[in-house]
Amino acid sequence: MIDDRLRRWTSDDLAVEFSRERRTGTETFTRAWVIWHLIEHDLHHGGEISQILGSNGVSALTL
């Protein structure tokens, strides 16, 4: 789904903002920020998986 959107969206599409209300106030995000945050999250867990594999003598993933 993300790959499909990135192929279709322009820079202007990525700059589209949306907001949500929290107890601490209003938070505003762009589509670009959300996609980067997902990638950043996956990178973190990918690193954890690589460390676990390596500490158990298993080769790292080839991505």
PDB file of N, CA and C in Angstrom:
ATOM      1  N   MET A   1       0.814  -1.178   0.000  1.00  0.00           N
ATOM      2  CA  MET A   1       0.000   0.000   0.000  1.00  0.00           C
ATOM      3  C   MET A   1       0.872   1.262   0.000  1.00  0.00           C
ATOM      4  N   ILE A   2       1.896   1.274   0.830  1.00  0.00           N
ATOM      5  CA  ILE A   2       2.762   2.457   0.899  1.00  0.00           C
ATOM      6  C   ILE A   2       3.500   2.650  -0.417  1.00  0.00           C
ATOM      7  N   ASP A   3       4.001   1.557  -0.979  1.00  0.00           N
ATOM      8  CA  ASP A   3       4.699   1.640  -2.266  1.00  0.00           C
ATOM      9  C   ASP A   3       3.780   2.236  -3.331  1.00  0.00           C
ATOM     10  N   ASP A   4       2.537   1.803  -3.353  1.00  0.00           N
ATOM     11  CA  ASP A   4       1.576   2.321  -4.324  1.00  0.00           C
ATOM     12  C   ASP A   4       1.379   3.825  -4.144  1.00  0.00           C
ATOM     13  N   ARG A   5       1.229   4.255  -2.908  1.00  0.00           N
ATOM     14  CA  ARG A   5       1.022   5.689  -2.643  1.00  0.00           C
ATOM     15  C   ARG A   5       2.255   6.501  -3.033  1.00  0.00           C
ATOM     16  N   LEU A   6       3.425   6.009  -2.690  1.00  0.00           N
ATOM     17  CA  LEU A   6       4.643   6.755  -3.010  1.00  0.00           C
ATOM     18  C   LEU A   6       4.853   6.879  -4.515  1.00  0.00           C
ATOM     19  N   ARG A   7       4.388   5.906  -5.253  1.00  0.00           N
ATOM     20  CA  ARG A   7       4.501   5.983  -6.721  1.00  0.00           C
ATOM     21  C   ARG A   7       3.522   7.003  -7.309  1.00  0.00           C
ATOM     22  N   ARG A   8       2.397   7.226  -6.629  1.00  0.00           N
ATOM     23  CA  ARG A   8       1.365   8.116  -7.161  1.00  0.00           C
ATOM     24  C   ARG A   8       1.409   9.525  -6.594  1.00  0.00           C
ATOM     25  N   TRP A   9       1.810   9.679  -5.337  1.00  0.00           N
ATOM     26  CA  TRP A   9       1.754  10.988  -4.698  1.00  0.00           C
ATOM     27  C   TRP A   9       2.865  11.914  -5.188  1.00  0.00           C
ATOM     28  N   THR A  10       2.520  13.159  -5.308  1.00  0.00           N
ATOM     29  CA  THR A  10       3.500  14.199  -5.640  1.00  0.00           C
ATOM     30  C   THR A  10       4.048  14.777  -4.333  1.00  0.00           C
ATOM     31  N   SER A  11       4.979  15.695  -4.453  1.00  0.00           N
ATOM     32  CA  SER A  11       5.502  16.385  -3.263  1.00  0.00           C
ATOM     33  C   SER A  11       4.387  17.124  -2.533  1.00  0.00           C
ATOM     34  N   ASP A  12       3.489  17.710  -3.304  1.00  0.00           N
ATOM     35  CA  ASP A  12       2.353  18.405  -2.680  1.00  0.00           C
ATOM     36  C   ASP A  12       1.459  17.429  -1.923  1.00  0.00           C
ATOM     37  N   ASP A  13       1.247  16.237  -2.479  1.00  0.00           N
ATOM     38  CA  ASP A  13       0.438  15.222  -1.795  1.00  0.00           C
ATOM     39  C   ASP A  13       1.088  14.811  -0.473  1.00  0.00           C
ATOM     40  N   LEU A  14       2.412  14.693  -0.465  1.00  0.00           N
ATOM     41  CA  LEU A  14       3.126  14.310   0.749  1.00  0.00           C
ATOM     42  C   LEU A  14       3.079  15.398   1.816  1.00  0.00           C
ATOM     43  N   ALA A  15       2.857  16.625   1.391  1.00  0.00           N
ATOM     44  CA  ALA A  15       2.802  17.748   2.324  1.00  0.00           C
ATOM     45  C   ALA A  15       1.412  17.936   2.942  1.00  0.00           C
ATOM     46  N   VAL A  16       0.435  17.149   2.511  1.00  0.00           N
ATOM     47  CA  VAL A  16      -0.916  17.273   3.064  1.00  0.00           C
ATOM     48  C   VAL A  16      -0.860  17.012   4.563  1.00  0.00           C
ATOM     49  N   GLU A  17      -1.515  17.878   5.326  1.00  0.00           N
ATOM     50  CA  GLU A  17      -1.503  17.780   6.785  1.00  0.00           C
ATOM     51  C   GLU A  17      -2.835  17.279   7.319  1.00  0.00           C
ATOM     52  N   PHE A  18      -2.776  16.658   8.464  1.00  0.00           N
ATOM     53  CA  PHE A  18      -3.974  16.311   9.211  1.00  0.00           C
ATOM     54  C   PHE A  18      -3.655  16.487  10.682  1.00  0.00           C
ATOM     55  N   SER A  19      -4.688  16.704  11.465  1.00  0.00           N
ATOM     56  CA  SER A  19      -4.498  16.967  12.893  1.00  0.00           C
ATOM     57  C   SER A  19      -5.346  16.025  13.723  1.00  0.00           C
ATOM     58  N   ARG A  20      -4.918  15.852  14.971  1.00  0.00           N
ATOM     59  CA  ARG A  20      -5.717  15.101  15.931  1.00  0.00           C
ATOM     60  C   ARG A  20      -5.595  15.782  17.287  1.00  0.00           C
ATOM     61  N   GLU A  21      -6.664  15.673  18.020  1.00  0.00           N
ATOM     62  CA  GLU A  21      -6.701  16.270  19.351  1.00  0.00           C
ATOM     63  C   GLU A  21      -6.226  15.254  20.383  1.00  0.00           C
ATOM     64  N   ARG A  22      -5.339  15.710  21.249  1.00  0.00           N
ATOM     65  CA  ARG A  22      -4.851  14.898  22.359  1.00  0.00           C
ATOM     66  C   ARG A  22      -5.116  15.678  23.641  1.00  0.00           C
ATOM     67  N   ARG A  23      -4.953  15.025  24.761  1.00  0.00           N
ATOM     68  CA  ARG A  23      -5.112  15.746  26.038  1.00  0.00           C
ATOM     69  C   ARG A  23      -4.115  16.887  26.158  1.00  0.00           C
ATOM     70  N   THR A  24      -2.957  16.710  25.532  1.00  0.00           N
ATOM     71  CA  THR A  24      -1.900  17.720  25.619  1.00  0.00           C
ATOM     72  C   THR A  24      -2.032  18.812  24.561  1.00  0.00           C
ATOM     73  N   GLY A  25      -3.012  18.684  23.666  1.00  0.00           N
ATOM     74  CA  GLY A  25      -3.217  19.692  22.632  1.00  0.00           C
ATOM     75  C   GLY A  25      -3.377  19.051  21.262  1.00  0.00           C
ATOM     76  N   THR A  26      -3.366  19.873  20.255  1.00  0.00           N
ATOM     77  CA  THR A  26      -3.528  19.419  18.876  1.00  0.00           C
ATOM     78  C   THR A  26      -2.171  19.034  18.296  1.00  0.00           C
ATOM     79  N   GLU A  27      -2.122  17.877  17.647  1.00  0.00           N
ATOM     80  CA  GLU A  27      -0.915  17.442  16.939  1.00  0.00           C
ATOM     81  C   GLU A  27      -1.213  17.468  15.446  1.00  0.00           C
ATOM     82  N   THR A  28      -0.284  18.001  14.675  1.00  0.00           N
ATOM     83  CA  THR A  28      -0.430  18.067  13.229  1.00  0.00           C
ATOM     84  C   THR A  28       0.722  17.321  12.575  1.00  0.00           C
ATOM     85  N   PHE A  29       0.383  16.501  11.592  1.00  0.00           N
ATOM     86  CA  PHE A  29       1.362  15.679  10.885  1.00  0.00           C
ATOM     87  C   PHE A  29       1.155  15.816   9.386  1.00  0.00           C
ATOM     88  N   THR A  30       2.211  15.563   8.638  1.00  0.00           N
ATOM     89  CA  THR A  30       2.084  15.466   7.180  1.00  0.00           C
ATOM     90  C   THR A  30       2.124  13.996   6.795  1.00  0.00           C
ATOM     91  N   ARG A  31       1.683  13.706   5.590  1.00  0.00           N
ATOM     92  CA  ARG A  31       1.777  12.334   5.089  1.00  0.00           C
ATOM     93  C   ARG A  31       3.238  11.887   5.054  1.00  0.00           C
ATOM     94  N   ALA A  32       4.126  12.790   4.662  1.00  0.00           N
ATOM     95  CA  ALA A  32       5.552  12.456   4.592  1.00  0.00           C
ATOM     96  C   ALA A  32       6.080  12.058   5.967  1.00  0.00           C
ATOM     97  N   TRP A  33       5.670  12.788   7.010  1.00  0.00           N
ATOM     98  CA  TRP A  33       6.124  12.468   8.363  1.00  0.00           C
ATOM     99  C   TRP A  33       5.647  11.081   8.779  1.00  0.00           C
ATOM    100  N   VAL A  34       4.394  10.761   8.478  1.00  0.00           N
ATOM    101  CA  VAL A  34       3.844   9.459   8.853  1.00  0.00           C
ATOM    102  C   VAL A  34       4.609   8.337   8.156  1.00  0.00           C
ATOM    103  N   ILE A  35       4.877   8.489   6.878  1.00  0.00           N
ATOM    104  CA  ILE A  35       5.620   7.453   6.149  1.00  0.00           C
ATOM    105  C   ILE A  35       7.028   7.312   6.713  1.00  0.00           C
ATOM    106  N   TRP A  36       7.704   8.434   6.960  1.00  0.00           N
ATOM    107  CA  TRP A  36       9.052   8.349   7.541  1.00  0.00           C
ATOM    108  C   TRP A  36       9.002   7.677   8.910  1.00  0.00           C
ATOM    109  N   HIS A  37       8.012   7.996   9.706  1.00  0.00           N
ATOM    110  CA  HIS A  37       7.898   7.410  11.038  1.00  0.00           C
ATOM    111  C   HIS A  37       7.714   5.895  10.950  1.00  0.00           C
ATOM    112  N   LEU A  38       6.940   5.414   9.992  1.00  0.00           N
ATOM    113  CA  LEU A  38       6.781   3.972   9.783  1.00  0.00           C
ATOM    114  C   LEU A  38       8.105   3.321   9.393  1.00  0.00           C
ATOM    115  N   ILE A  39       8.837   3.965   8.473  1.00  0.00           N
ATOM    116  CA  ILE A  39      10.138   3.429   8.049  1.00  0.00           C
ATOM    117  C   ILE A  39      11.102   3.401   9.226  1.00  0.00           C
ATOM    118  N   GLU A  40      11.148   4.485   9.986  1.00  0.00           N
ATOM    119  CA  GLU A  40      12.030   4.584  11.146  1.00  0.00           C
ATOM    120  C   GLU A  40      11.721   3.479  12.159  1.00  0.00           C
ATOM    121  N   HIS A  41      10.450   3.221  12.375  1.00  0.00           N
ATOM    122  CA  HIS A  41      10.015   2.178  13.301  1.00  0.00           C
ATOM    123  C   HIS A  41      10.485   0.802  12.819  1.00  0.00           C
ATOM    124  N   ASP A  42      10.299   0.524  11.520  1.00  0.00           N
ATOM    125  CA  ASP A  42      10.731  -0.755  10.964  1.00  0.00           C
ATOM    126  C   ASP A  42      12.248  -0.914  11.023  1.00  0.00           C
ATOM    127  N   LEU A  43      12.984   0.175  10.786  1.00  0.00           N
ATOM    128  CA  LEU A  43      14.446   0.108  10.870  1.00  0.00           C
ATOM    129  C   LEU A  43      14.887  -0.279  12.273  1.00  0.00           C
ATOM    130  N   HIS A  44      14.242   0.290  13.259  1.00  0.00           N
ATOM    131  CA  HIS A  44      14.578  -0.017  14.653  1.00  0.00           C
ATOM    132  C   HIS A  44      14.384  -1.508  14.926  1.00  0.00           C
ATOM    133  N   HIS A  45      13.249  -2.034  14.556  1.00  0.00           N
ATOM    134  CA  HIS A  45      12.981  -3.451  14.826  1.00  0.00           C
ATOM    135  C   HIS A  45      13.835  -4.374  13.965  1.00  0.00           C
ATOM    136  N   GLY A  46      14.164  -3.932  12.757  1.00  0.00           N
ATOM    137  CA  GLY A  46      15.076  -4.717  11.919  1.00  0.00           C
ATOM    138  C   GLY A  46      16.441  -4.857  12.573  1.00  0.00           C
ATOM    139  N   GLY A  47      16.904  -3.770  13.203  1.00  0.00           N
ATOM    140  CA  GLY A  47      18.176  -3.816  13.929  1.00  0.00           C
ATOM    141  C   GLY A  47      18.106  -4.770  15.106  1.00  0.00           C
ATOM    142  N   GLU A  48      16.994  -4.757  15.815  1.00  0.00           N
ATOM    143  CA  GLU A  48      16.819  -5.683  16.941  1.00  0.00           C
ATOM    144  C   GLU A  48      16.859  -7.131  16.465  1.00  0.00           C
ATOM    145  N   ILE A  49      16.179  -7.409  15.368  1.00  0.00           N
ATOM    146  CA  ILE A  49      16.162  -8.774  14.836  1.00  0.00           C
ATOM    147  C   ILE A  49      17.568  -9.201  14.439  1.00  0.00           C
ATOM    148  N   SER A  50      18.316  -8.298  13.797  1.00  0.00           N
ATOM    149  CA  SER A  50      19.692  -8.622  13.395  1.00  0.00           C
ATOM    150  C   SER A  50      20.565  -8.923  14.603  1.00  0.00           C
ATOM    151  N   GLN A  51      20.402  -8.161  15.683  1.00  0.00           N
ATOM    152  CA  GLN A  51      21.187  -8.410  16.894  1.00  0.00           C
ATOM    153  C   GLN A  51      20.835  -9.762  17.512  1.00  0.00           C
ATOM    154  N   ILE A  52      19.568 -10.082  17.557  1.00  0.00           N
ATOM    155  CA  ILE A  52      19.146 -11.365  18.122  1.00  0.00           C
ATOM    156  C   ILE A  52      19.686 -12.517  17.284  1.00  0.00           C
ATOM    157  N   LEU A  53      19.571 -12.390  15.961  1.00  0.00           N
ATOM    158  CA  LEU A  53      20.088 -13.445  15.090  1.00  0.00           C
ATOM    159  C   LEU A  53      21.593 -13.603  15.276  1.00  0.00           C
ATOM    160  N   GLY A  54      22.309 -12.468  15.247  1.00  0.00           N
ATOM    161  CA  GLY A  54      23.763 -12.521  15.399  1.00  0.00           C
ATOM    162  C   GLY A  54      24.211 -13.098  16.718  1.00  0.00           C
ATOM    163  N   SER A  55      23.511 -12.777  17.789  1.00  0.00           N
ATOM    164  CA  SER A  55      23.911 -13.299  19.097  1.00  0.00           C
ATOM    165  C   SER A  55      23.605 -14.792  19.237  1.00  0.00           C
ATOM    166  N   ASN A  56      22.831 -15.317  18.298  1.00  0.00           N
ATOM    167  CA  ASN A  56      22.545 -16.752  18.291  1.00  0.00           C
ATOM    168  C   ASN A  56      23.232 -17.466  17.151  1.00  0.00           C
ATOM    169  N   GLY A  57      24.230 -16.801  16.548  1.00  0.00           N
ATOM    170  CA  GLY A  57      25.031 -17.420  15.504  1.00  0.00           C
ATOM    171  C   GLY A  57      24.331 -17.588  14.172  1.00  0.00           C
ATOM    172  N   VAL A  58      23.258 -16.871  13.967  1.00  0.00           N
ATOM    173  CA  VAL A  58      22.517 -16.950  12.709  1.00  0.00           C
ATOM    174  C   VAL A  58      22.861 -15.743  11.853  1.00  0.00           C
ATOM    175  N   SER A  59      23.034 -15.966  10.553  1.00  0.00           N
ATOM    176  CA  SER A  59      23.371 -14.871   9.655  1.00  0.00           C
ATOM    177  C   SER A  59      22.274 -13.821   9.640  1.00  0.00           C
ATOM    178  N   ALA A  60      22.692 -12.583   9.409  1.00  0.00           N
ATOM    179  CA  ALA A  60      21.753 -11.465   9.346  1.00  0.00           C
ATOM    180  C   ALA A  60      20.861 -11.593   8.128  1.00  0.00           C
ATOM    181  N   LEU A  61      19.739 -10.909   8.179  1.00  0.00           N
ATOM    182  CA  LEU A  61      18.799 -10.901   7.064  1.00  0.00           C
ATOM    183  C   LEU A  61      19.389 -10.142   5.889  1.00  0.00           C
ATOM    184  N   THR A  62      19.072 -10.575   4.699  1.00  0.00           N
ATOM    185  CA  THR A  62      19.438  -9.841   3.497  1.00  0.00           C
ATOM    186  C   THR A  62      18.201  -9.106   3.027  1.00  0.00           C
ATOM    187  N   LEU A  63      18.238  -7.787   3.125  1.00  0.00           N
ATOM    188  CA  LEU A  63      17.065  -7.003   2.756  1.00  0.00           C
ATOM    189  C   LEU A  63      17.254  -6.296   1.453  1.00  0.00           C
TER     190      LEU A  63
END
